[in-house]
PDB file of N, CA and C in Angstrom:
ATOM      1  N   MET A   1     134.694 118.347   6.434  1.00  0.00           N
ATOM      2  CA  MET A   1     136.039 117.323   6.899  1.00  0.00           C
ATOM      3  C   MET A   1     137.315 117.412   5.751  1.00  0.00           C
ATOM      4  N   ILE A   2     138.369 117.495   6.517  1.00  0.00           N
ATOM      5  CA  ILE A   2     139.298 117.301   5.407  1.00  0.00           C
ATOM      6  C   ILE A   2     139.655 115.678   5.174  1.00  0.00           C
ATOM      7  N   SER A   3     139.815 115.198   3.449  1.00  0.00           N
ATOM      8  CA  SER A   3     140.272 113.830   3.897  1.00  0.00           C
ATOM      9  C   SER A   3     141.570 114.434   3.319  1.00  0.00           C
ATOM     10  N   LEU A   4     142.131 113.521   3.236  1.00  0.00           N
ATOM     11  CA  LEU A   4     143.712 113.178   3.655  1.00  0.00           C
ATOM     12  C   LEU A   4     144.327 112.196   2.687  1.00  0.00           C
ATOM     13  N   PRO A   5     145.379 112.601   1.696  1.00  0.00           N
ATOM     14  CA  PRO A   5     145.758 111.564  -0.013  1.00  0.00           C
ATOM     15  C   PRO A   5     146.239 110.119   1.105  1.00  0.00           C
ATOM     16  N   SER A   6     146.151 109.265   0.362  1.00  0.00           N
ATOM     17  CA  SER A   6     145.940 108.170   0.161  1.00  0.00           C
ATOM     18  C   SER A   6     147.938 108.244   0.555  1.00  0.00           C
ATOM     19  N   GLY A   7     148.622 107.276   1.941  1.00  0.00           N
ATOM     20  CA  GLY A   7     149.613 107.225   1.997  1.00  0.00           C
ATOM     21  C   GLY A   7     150.267 108.073   3.016  1.00  0.00           C
ATOM     22  N   THR A   8     149.299 109.182   3.861  1.00  0.00           N
ATOM     23  CA  THR A   8     149.556 110.224   4.644  1.00  0.00           C
ATOM     24  C   THR A   8     149.810 109.847   5.936  1.00  0.00           C
ATOM     25  N   ARG A   9     150.976 109.997   6.398  1.00  0.00           N
ATOM     26  CA  ARG A   9     151.061 109.271   7.930  1.00  0.00           C
ATOM     27  C   ARG A   9     150.605 110.550   9.293  1.00  0.00           C
ATOM     28  N   ILE A  10     149.924 110.018   9.975  1.00  0.00           N
ATOM     29  CA  ILE A  10     149.920 111.016  11.358  1.00  0.00           C
ATOM     30  C   ILE A  10     150.853 110.748  12.466  1.00  0.00           C
ATOM     31  N   TRP A  11     151.677 111.740  12.555  1.00  0.00           N
ATOM     32  CA  TRP A  11     152.561 111.546  13.824  1.00  0.00           C
ATOM     33  C   TRP A  11     152.208 112.485  14.701  1.00  0.00           C
ATOM     34  N   LEU A  12     152.248 111.475  16.000  1.00  0.00           N
ATOM     35  CA  LEU A  12     152.020 112.342  17.229  1.00  0.00           C
ATOM     36  C   LEU A  12     153.029 112.447  18.133  1.00  0.00           C
ATOM     37  N   VAL A  13     153.389 113.596  18.176  1.00  0.00           N
ATOM     38  CA  VAL A  13     154.860 114.239  18.408  1.00  0.00           C
ATOM     39  C   VAL A  13     154.580 113.639  20.373  1.00  0.00           C
ATOM     40  N   ALA A  14     155.758 112.626  20.793  1.00  0.00           N
ATOM     41  CA  ALA A  14     155.729 112.502  22.443  1.00  0.00           C
ATOM     42  C   ALA A  14     156.289 113.923  23.056  1.00  0.00           C
ATOM     43  N   GLY A  15     155.671 114.139  23.941  1.00  0.00           N
ATOM     44  CA  GLY A  15     156.581 115.167  25.220  1.00  0.00           C
ATOM     45  C   GLY A  15     155.221 115.919  24.748  1.00  0.00           C
ATOM     46  N   VAL A  16     155.517 117.367  25.585  1.00  0.00           N
ATOM     47  CA  VAL A  16     155.118 118.557  25.203  1.00  0.00           C
ATOM     48  C   VAL A  16     155.897 119.846  24.720  1.00  0.00           C
ATOM     49  N   THR A  17     154.957 120.320  24.165  1.00  0.00           N
ATOM     50  CA  THR A  17     155.632 121.216  22.981  1.00  0.00           C
ATOM     51  C   THR A  17     155.254 122.682  23.590  1.00  0.00           C
ATOM     52  N   ASP A  18     156.013 123.669  23.053  1.00  0.00           N
ATOM     53  CA  ASP A  18     155.418 125.005  23.306  1.00  0.00           C
ATOM     54  C   ASP A  18     154.906 125.921  22.336  1.00  0.00           C
ATOM     55  N   MET A  19     153.660 126.002  22.883  1.00  0.00           N
ATOM     56  CA  MET A  19     152.556 126.290  22.159  1.00  0.00           C
ATOM     57  C   MET A  19     152.744 127.604  21.637  1.00  0.00           C
ATOM     58  N   ARG A  20     153.648 128.603  22.073  1.00  0.00           N
ATOM     59  CA  ARG A  20     154.069 129.761  21.120  1.00  0.00           C
ATOM     60  C   ARG A  20     154.581 130.173  20.102  1.00  0.00           C
ATOM     61  N   LYS A  21     155.351 128.393  19.637  1.00  0.00           N
ATOM     62  CA  LYS A  21     155.722 128.147  18.523  1.00  0.00           C
ATOM     63  C   LYS A  21     154.464 128.474  17.391  1.00  0.00           C
ATOM     64  N   SER A  22     154.852 128.762  16.116  1.00  0.00           N
ATOM     65  CA  SER A  22     154.086 128.616  14.590  1.00  0.00           C
ATOM     66  C   SER A  22     155.065 127.982  13.976  1.00  0.00           C
ATOM     67  N   PHE A  23     154.303 128.669  12.271  1.00  0.00           N
ATOM     68  CA  PHE A  23     154.823 127.200  11.236  1.00  0.00           C
ATOM     69  C   PHE A  23     156.401 127.254  11.312  1.00  0.00           C
ATOM     70  N   ASN A  24     156.961 128.319  11.810  1.00  0.00           N
ATOM     71  CA  ASN A  24     158.520 128.007  11.547  1.00  0.00           C
ATOM     72  C   ASN A  24     159.062 127.420  13.042  1.00  0.00           C
ATOM     73  N   GLY A  25     158.688 127.677  14.146  1.00  0.00           N
ATOM     74  CA  GLY A  25     158.963 126.581  15.086  1.00  0.00           C
ATOM     75  C   GLY A  25     158.881 125.673  14.855  1.00  0.00           C
ATOM     76  N   LEU A  26     157.374 124.864  14.750  1.00  0.00           N
ATOM     77  CA  LEU A  26     157.034 123.754  14.505  1.00  0.00           C
ATOM     78  C   LEU A  26     157.591 122.934  13.798  1.00  0.00           C
ATOM     79  N   GLY A  27     157.929 123.655  12.349  1.00  0.00           N
ATOM     80  CA  GLY A  27     158.846 122.802  11.441  1.00  0.00           C
ATOM     81  C   GLY A  27     159.822 122.800  11.655  1.00  0.00           C
ATOM     82  N   GLU A  28     161.016 123.416  12.505  1.00  0.00           N
ATOM     83  CA  GLU A  28     161.938 123.112  13.017  1.00  0.00           C
ATOM     84  C   GLU A  28     161.670 122.107  14.033  1.00  0.00           C
ATOM     85  N   GLN A  29     160.598 121.854  15.047  1.00  0.00           N
ATOM     86  CA  GLN A  29     160.858 120.995  15.272  1.00  0.00           C
ATOM     87  C   GLN A  29     160.651 119.538  14.519  1.00  0.00           C
ATOM     88  N   VAL A  30     160.172 119.373  13.657  1.00  0.00           N
ATOM     89  CA  VAL A  30     159.844 118.125  12.590  1.00  0.00           C
ATOM     90  C   VAL A  30     161.033 117.773  12.240  1.00  0.00           C
ATOM     91  N   GLN A  31     161.780 118.804  11.492  1.00  0.00           N
ATOM     92  CA  GLN A  31     162.984 118.622  11.088  1.00  0.00           C
ATOM     93  C   GLN A  31     164.048 118.199  12.099  1.00  0.00           C
ATOM     94  N   HIS A  32     164.504 118.648  13.088  1.00  0.00           N
ATOM     95  CA  HIS A  32     165.317 118.334  13.732  1.00  0.00           C
ATOM     96  C   HIS A  32     165.179 117.110  14.960  1.00  0.00           C
ATOM     97  N   VAL A  33     164.074 117.103  15.603  1.00  0.00           N
ATOM     98  CA  VAL A  33     163.744 116.124  16.422  1.00  0.00           C
ATOM     99  C   VAL A  33     162.972 115.039  15.347  1.00  0.00           C
ATOM    100  N   LEU A  34     162.189 114.879  14.497  1.00  0.00           N
ATOM    101  CA  LEU A  34     161.528 113.492  14.273  1.00  0.00           C
ATOM    102  C   LEU A  34     162.269 113.368  12.711  1.00  0.00           C
ATOM    103  N   ASN A  35     163.385 113.993  12.100  1.00  0.00           N
ATOM    104  CA  ASN A  35     164.650 114.312  11.076  1.00  0.00           C
ATOM    105  C   ASN A  35     162.832 113.967   9.704  1.00  0.00           C
ATOM    106  N   ASP A  36     162.289 114.663   9.781  1.00  0.00           N
ATOM    107  CA  ASP A  36     161.566 114.535   8.764  1.00  0.00           C
ATOM    108  C   ASP A  36     160.579 116.221   8.179  1.00  0.00           C
ATOM    109  N   ASN A  37     160.511 116.074   6.749  1.00  0.00           N
ATOM    110  CA  ASN A  37     160.078 117.474   6.056  1.00  0.00           C
ATOM    111  C   ASN A  37     159.085 117.743   6.622  1.00  0.00           C
ATOM    112  N   PRO A  38     158.771 119.410   6.796  1.00  0.00           N
ATOM    113  CA  PRO A  38     157.289 118.897   7.501  1.00  0.00           C
ATOM    114  C   PRO A  38     156.308 119.706   5.756  1.00  0.00           C
ATOM    115  N   PHE A  39     156.825 119.893   4.835  1.00  0.00           N
ATOM    116  CA  PHE A  39     156.422 119.266   4.063  1.00  0.00           C
ATOM    117  C   PHE A  39     155.959 118.718   3.203  1.00  0.00           C
ATOM    118  N   SER A  40     156.111 117.418   3.642  1.00  0.00           N
ATOM    119  CA  SER A  40     156.038 115.982   3.529  1.00  0.00           C
ATOM    120  C   SER A  40     154.607 115.446   2.978  1.00  0.00           C
ATOM    121  N   GLY A  41     153.843 116.294   3.503  1.00  0.00           N
ATOM    122  CA  GLY A  41     152.360 116.260   3.595  1.00  0.00           C
ATOM    123  C   GLY A  41     151.806 115.373   4.431  1.00  0.00           C
ATOM    124  N   HIS A  42     152.617 114.988   5.349  1.00  0.00           N
ATOM    125  CA  HIS A  42     152.149 114.111   6.770  1.00  0.00           C
ATOM    126  C   HIS A  42     151.464 115.237   7.650  1.00  0.00           C
ATOM    127  N   LEU A  43     150.702 115.079   8.691  1.00  0.00           N
ATOM    128  CA  LEU A  43     150.782 115.412   9.630  1.00  0.00           C
ATOM    129  C   LEU A  43     151.041 115.397  10.589  1.00  0.00           C
ATOM    130  N   PHE A  44     151.546 116.506  11.565  1.00  0.00           N
ATOM    131  CA  PHE A  44     152.739 116.295  12.677  1.00  0.00           C
ATOM    132  C   PHE A  44     151.108 117.005  13.857  1.00  0.00           C
ATOM    133  N   ILE A  45     151.278 116.248  14.926  1.00  0.00           N
ATOM    134  CA  ILE A  45     150.241 116.633  16.248  1.00  0.00           C
ATOM    135  C   ILE A  45     151.184 117.192  17.738  1.00  0.00           C
ATOM    136  N   PHE A  46     150.973 118.087  17.817  1.00  0.00           N
ATOM    137  CA  PHE A  46     151.965 118.470  19.144  1.00  0.00           C
ATOM    138  C   PHE A  46     150.621 118.991  19.667  1.00  0.00           C
ATOM    139  N   ARG A  47     151.020 118.811  21.369  1.00  0.00           N
ATOM    140  CA  ARG A  47     150.150 118.817  22.787  1.00  0.00           C
ATOM    141  C   ARG A  47     151.199 119.673  23.714  1.00  0.00           C
ATOM    142  N   GLY A  48     150.067 120.617  24.191  1.00  0.00           N
ATOM    143  CA  GLY A  48     150.754 121.545  24.889  1.00  0.00           C
ATOM    144  C   GLY A  48     150.999 121.221  26.158  1.00  0.00           C
ATOM    145  N   ARG A  49     151.579 121.812  26.853  1.00  0.00           N
ATOM    146  CA  ARG A  49     152.388 121.495  28.366  1.00  0.00           C
ATOM    147  C   ARG A  49     151.084 121.031  29.230  1.00  0.00           C
ATOM    148  N   ARG A  50     149.924 122.233  29.360  1.00  0.00           N
ATOM    149  CA  ARG A  50     148.830 121.652  30.509  1.00  0.00           C
ATOM    150  C   ARG A  50     147.497 120.449  29.575  1.00  0.00           C
ATOM    151  N   GLY A  51     147.542 120.256  28.265  1.00  0.00           N
ATOM    152  CA  GLY A  51     146.952 119.243  27.598  1.00  0.00           C
ATOM    153  C   GLY A  51     145.516 119.594  26.911  1.00  0.00           C
ATOM    154  N   ASP A  52     145.712 121.385  27.316  1.00  0.00           N
ATOM    155  CA  ASP A  52     144.406 121.749  26.625  1.00  0.00           C
ATOM    156  C   ASP A  52     144.930 122.474  25.082  1.00  0.00           C
ATOM    157  N   THR A  53     145.636 122.261  24.612  1.00  0.00           N
ATOM    158  CA  THR A  53     145.686 123.062  23.794  1.00  0.00           C
ATOM    159  C   THR A  53     146.415 122.023  22.765  1.00  0.00           C
ATOM    160  N   VAL A  54     146.298 121.342  21.016  1.00  0.00           N
ATOM    161  CA  VAL A  54     146.137 120.607  20.299  1.00  0.00           C
ATOM    162  C   VAL A  54     147.138 121.111  19.057  1.00  0.00           C
ATOM    163  N   LYS A  55     148.465 121.508  18.095  1.00  0.00           N
ATOM    164  CA  LYS A  55     148.593 122.073  17.310  1.00  0.00           C
ATOM    165  C   LYS A  55     148.745 121.044  15.857  1.00  0.00           C
ATOM    166  N   ILE A  56     148.466 121.235  14.950  1.00  0.00           N
ATOM    167  CA  ILE A  56     148.873 120.182  13.548  1.00  0.00           C
ATOM    168  C   ILE A  56     149.159 120.544  12.828  1.00  0.00           C
ATOM    169  N   LEU A  57     150.676 120.561  12.096  1.00  0.00           N
ATOM    170  CA  LEU A  57     151.298 120.933  11.159  1.00  0.00           C
ATOM    171  C   LEU A  57     150.879 120.333  10.006  1.00  0.00           C
ATOM    172  N   TRP A  58     150.575 120.687   9.052  1.00  0.00           N
ATOM    173  CA  TRP A  58     150.289 119.859   7.627  1.00  0.00           C
ATOM    174  C   TRP A  58     150.794 120.558   6.510  1.00  0.00           C
ATOM    175  N   ALA A  59     151.312 120.160   5.444  1.00  0.00           N
ATOM    176  CA  ALA A  59     151.588 120.736   4.291  1.00  0.00           C
ATOM    177  C   ALA A  59     150.796 120.335   3.012  1.00  0.00           C
ATOM    178  N   ASP A  60     150.091 121.105   2.452  1.00  0.00           N
ATOM    179  CA  ASP A  60     149.080 120.778   1.452  1.00  0.00           C
ATOM    180  C   ASP A  60     149.834 121.367   0.187  1.00  0.00           C
ATOM    181  N   ALA A  61     149.182 121.301  -1.047  1.00  0.00           N
ATOM    182  CA  ALA A  61     149.667 122.133  -2.707  1.00  0.00           C
ATOM    183  C   ALA A  61     150.325 123.336  -2.558  1.00  0.00           C
ATOM    184  N   ASP A  62     149.295 124.442  -1.552  1.00  0.00           N
ATOM    185  CA  ASP A  62     148.973 125.689  -1.529  1.00  0.00           C
ATOM    186  C   ASP A  62     150.564 126.185  -0.280  1.00  0.00           C
ATOM    187  N   GLY A  63     150.951 125.440   0.530  1.00  0.00           N
ATOM    188  CA  GLY A  63     151.742 125.839   1.712  1.00  0.00           C
ATOM    189  C   GLY A  63     151.373 124.851   2.654  1.00  0.00           C
ATOM    190  N   LEU A  64     152.367 125.301   3.926  1.00  0.00           N
ATOM    191  CA  LEU A  64     151.961 124.930   5.390  1.00  0.00           C
ATOM    192  C   LEU A  64     150.083 125.570   6.162  1.00  0.00           C
ATOM    193  N   CYS A  65     150.046 124.525   6.628  1.00  0.00           N
ATOM    194  CA  CYS A  65     148.542 125.086   7.208  1.00  0.00           C
ATOM    195  C   CYS A  65     148.956 124.605   8.597  1.00  0.00           C
ATOM    196  N   LEU A  66     148.096 125.752   9.573  1.00  0.00           N
ATOM    197  CA  LEU A  66     148.582 125.433  10.899  1.00  0.00           C
ATOM    198  C   LEU A  66     146.938 125.547  11.867  1.00  0.00           C
ATOM    199  N   PHE A  67     146.577 123.930  11.988  1.00  0.00           N
ATOM    200  CA  PHE A  67     145.127 123.953  13.342  1.00  0.00           C
ATOM    201  C   PHE A  67     145.879 124.448  14.609  1.00  0.00           C
ATOM    202  N   THR A  68     144.787 124.534  15.130  1.00  0.00           N
ATOM    203  CA  THR A  68     145.148 124.955  16.531  1.00  0.00           C
ATOM    204  C   THR A  68     143.773 124.644  17.175  1.00  0.00           C
ATOM    205  N   LYS A  69     143.484 123.945  18.137  1.00  0.00           N
ATOM    206  CA  LYS A  69     142.381 123.824  19.385  1.00  0.00           C
ATOM    207  C   LYS A  69     142.915 124.028  20.249  1.00  0.00           C
ATOM    208  N   ARG A  70     142.110 124.984  21.104  1.00  0.00           N
ATOM    209  CA  ARG A  70     142.274 125.444  22.241  1.00  0.00           C
ATOM    210  C   ARG A  70     141.284 125.492  23.245  1.00  0.00           C
ATOM    211  N   GLY A  71     141.526 124.877  24.684  1.00  0.00           N
ATOM    212  CA  GLY A  71     140.988 125.207  25.349  1.00  0.00           C
ATOM    213  C   GLY A  71     139.868 124.105  25.753  1.00  0.00           C
ATOM    214  N   GLY A  72     138.731 124.141  26.810  1.00  0.00           N
ATOM    215  CA  GLY A  72     138.236 122.779  27.102  1.00  0.00           C
ATOM    216  C   GLY A  72     139.131 121.844  28.055  1.00  0.00           C
ATOM    217  N   ARG A  73     138.607 120.577  27.864  1.00  0.00           N
ATOM    218  CA  ARG A  73     139.318 119.994  28.849  1.00  0.00           C
ATOM    219  C   ARG A  73     140.635 119.499  28.244  1.00  0.00           C
ATOM    220  N   PRO A  74     141.419 119.042  29.203  1.00  0.00           N
ATOM    221  CA  PRO A  74     143.274 118.124  28.857  1.00  0.00           C
ATOM    222  C   PRO A  74     142.824 117.236  27.662  1.00  0.00           C
ATOM    223  N   VAL A  75     143.937 117.549  26.844  1.00  0.00           N
ATOM    224  CA  VAL A  75     143.807 116.104  25.536  1.00  0.00           C
ATOM    225  C   VAL A  75     144.843 115.615  26.288  1.00  0.00           C
ATOM    226  N   TYR A  76     144.496 113.603  26.298  1.00  0.00           N
ATOM    227  CA  TYR A  76     145.412 112.967  26.802  1.00  0.00           C
ATOM    228  C   TYR A  76     145.697 112.220  25.055  1.00  0.00           C
ATOM    229  N   LEU A  77     147.084 112.174  24.787  1.00  0.00           N
ATOM    230  CA  LEU A  77     147.678 111.144  23.549  1.00  0.00           C
ATOM    231  C   LEU A  77     147.676 109.914  24.371  1.00  0.00           C
ATOM    232  N   ALA A  78     147.775 108.641  24.210  1.00  0.00           N
ATOM    233  CA  ALA A  78     148.367 107.505  24.855  1.00  0.00           C
ATOM    234  C   ALA A  78     148.524 106.336  23.841  1.00  0.00           C
ATOM    235  N   CYS A  79     149.258 105.838  23.774  1.00  0.00           N
ATOM    236  CA  CYS A  79     149.715 105.068  22.550  1.00  0.00           C
ATOM    237  C   CYS A  79     150.090 103.412  23.234  1.00  0.00           C
ATOM    238  N   GLY A  80     148.748 103.036  22.729  1.00  0.00           N
ATOM    239  CA  GLY A  80     148.889 101.126  23.723  1.00  0.00           C
ATOM    240  C   GLY A  80     149.960 100.421  22.773  1.00  0.00           C
ATOM    241  N   THR A  81     150.207  99.004  23.458  1.00  0.00           N
ATOM    242  CA  THR A  81     151.528  97.758  22.624  1.00  0.00           C
ATOM    243  C   THR A  81     150.407  96.870  22.303  1.00  0.00           C
TER     244      THR A  81
END
Protein backbone atom coordinates (compact mmCIF):
# COMPACT_ATOMS: atom_id res chain seq x y z
CA MET A 1 0.00 0.00 0.00
CA ILE A 2 1.25 3.48 -0.85
CA SER A 3 0.73 6.08 1.85
CA LEU A 4 0.04 9.57 0.59
CA PRO A 5 1.48 12.72 2.14
CA SER A 6 -0.99 14.91 4.01
CA GLY A 7 -2.60 17.52 1.81
CA THR A 8 -2.59 15.26 -1.26
CA ARG A 9 -5.71 15.72 -3.36
CA ILE A 10 -7.30 13.00 -5.45
CA TRP A 11 -8.78 14.26 -8.72
CA LEU A 12 -11.40 12.13 -10.50
CA VAL A 13 -11.21 13.46 -14.05
CA ALA A 14 -14.74 13.79 -15.47
CA GLY A 15 -15.60 12.21 -18.80
CA VAL A 16 -13.58 9.63 -20.66
CA THR A 17 -9.91 9.71 -21.56
CA ASP A 18 -8.02 8.26 -24.51
CA MET A 19 -6.19 5.40 -22.79
CA ARG A 20 -3.46 5.47 -25.43
CA LYS A 21 -2.11 8.55 -23.65
CA SER A 22 0.88 8.09 -21.39
CA PHE A 23 2.91 10.44 -19.18
CA ASN A 24 3.07 13.37 -21.58
CA GLY A 25 -0.51 13.20 -22.86
CA LEU A 26 -2.07 12.81 -19.43
CA GLY A 27 0.22 15.48 -17.97
CA GLU A 28 -0.86 17.85 -20.74
CA GLN A 29 -4.51 17.11 -19.94
CA VAL A 30 -3.86 17.93 -16.27
CA GLN A 31 -2.29 21.26 -17.25
CA HIS A 32 -4.80 22.40 -19.86
CA VAL A 33 -8.09 20.91 -18.67
CA LEU A 34 -7.67 20.96 -14.89
CA ASN A 35 -5.32 23.97 -14.76
CA ASP A 36 -3.07 22.10 -12.35
CA ASN A 37 0.54 20.99 -12.28
CA PRO A 38 1.09 17.25 -12.90
CA PHE A 39 4.14 17.46 -10.60
CA SER A 40 2.04 18.83 -7.69
CA GLY A 41 1.99 15.48 -5.88
CA HIS A 42 -1.78 15.10 -6.30
CA LEU A 43 -3.31 11.95 -7.81
CA PHE A 44 -5.14 12.31 -11.11
CA ILE A 45 -7.47 9.42 -11.98
CA PHE A 46 -8.56 8.91 -15.60
CA ARG A 47 -11.20 6.47 -16.87
CA GLY A 48 -11.33 4.88 -20.32
CA ARG A 49 -14.34 4.97 -22.65
CA ARG A 50 -15.47 1.39 -21.92
CA GLY A 51 -14.85 1.75 -18.21
CA ASP A 52 -12.54 -1.25 -17.99
CA THR A 53 -9.32 0.78 -17.79
CA VAL A 54 -8.25 3.30 -15.16
CA LYS A 55 -4.97 5.24 -15.12
CA ILE A 56 -3.57 7.16 -12.17
CA LEU A 57 -0.92 9.83 -12.72
CA TRP A 58 1.10 10.82 -9.66
CA ALA A 59 4.40 12.59 -9.07
CA ASP A 60 6.72 11.80 -6.19
CA ALA A 61 10.25 12.96 -5.40
CA ASP A 62 11.68 10.71 -8.13
CA GLY A 63 9.37 11.86 -10.96
CA LEU A 64 6.07 10.89 -12.53
CA CYS A 65 4.41 7.54 -11.82
CA LEU A 66 1.71 6.03 -14.01
CA PHE A 67 -0.44 3.23 -12.59
CA THR A 68 -2.77 1.32 -14.89
CA LYS A 69 -5.61 -1.08 -14.04
CA ARG A 70 -6.91 -2.86 -17.12
CA GLY A 71 -9.52 -5.52 -17.75
CA GLY A 72 -12.24 -6.97 -15.62
CA ARG A 73 -15.53 -5.31 -14.94
CA PRO A 74 -16.21 -1.72 -15.94
CA VAL A 75 -15.33 0.90 -13.33
CA TYR A 76 -17.98 3.53 -12.67
CA LEU A 77 -16.92 6.70 -10.90
CA ALA A 78 -19.86 8.61 -9.49
CA CYS A 79 -20.04 11.60 -7.22
CA GLY A 80 -22.98 12.11 -4.89
CA THR A 81 -24.23 15.40 -3.51
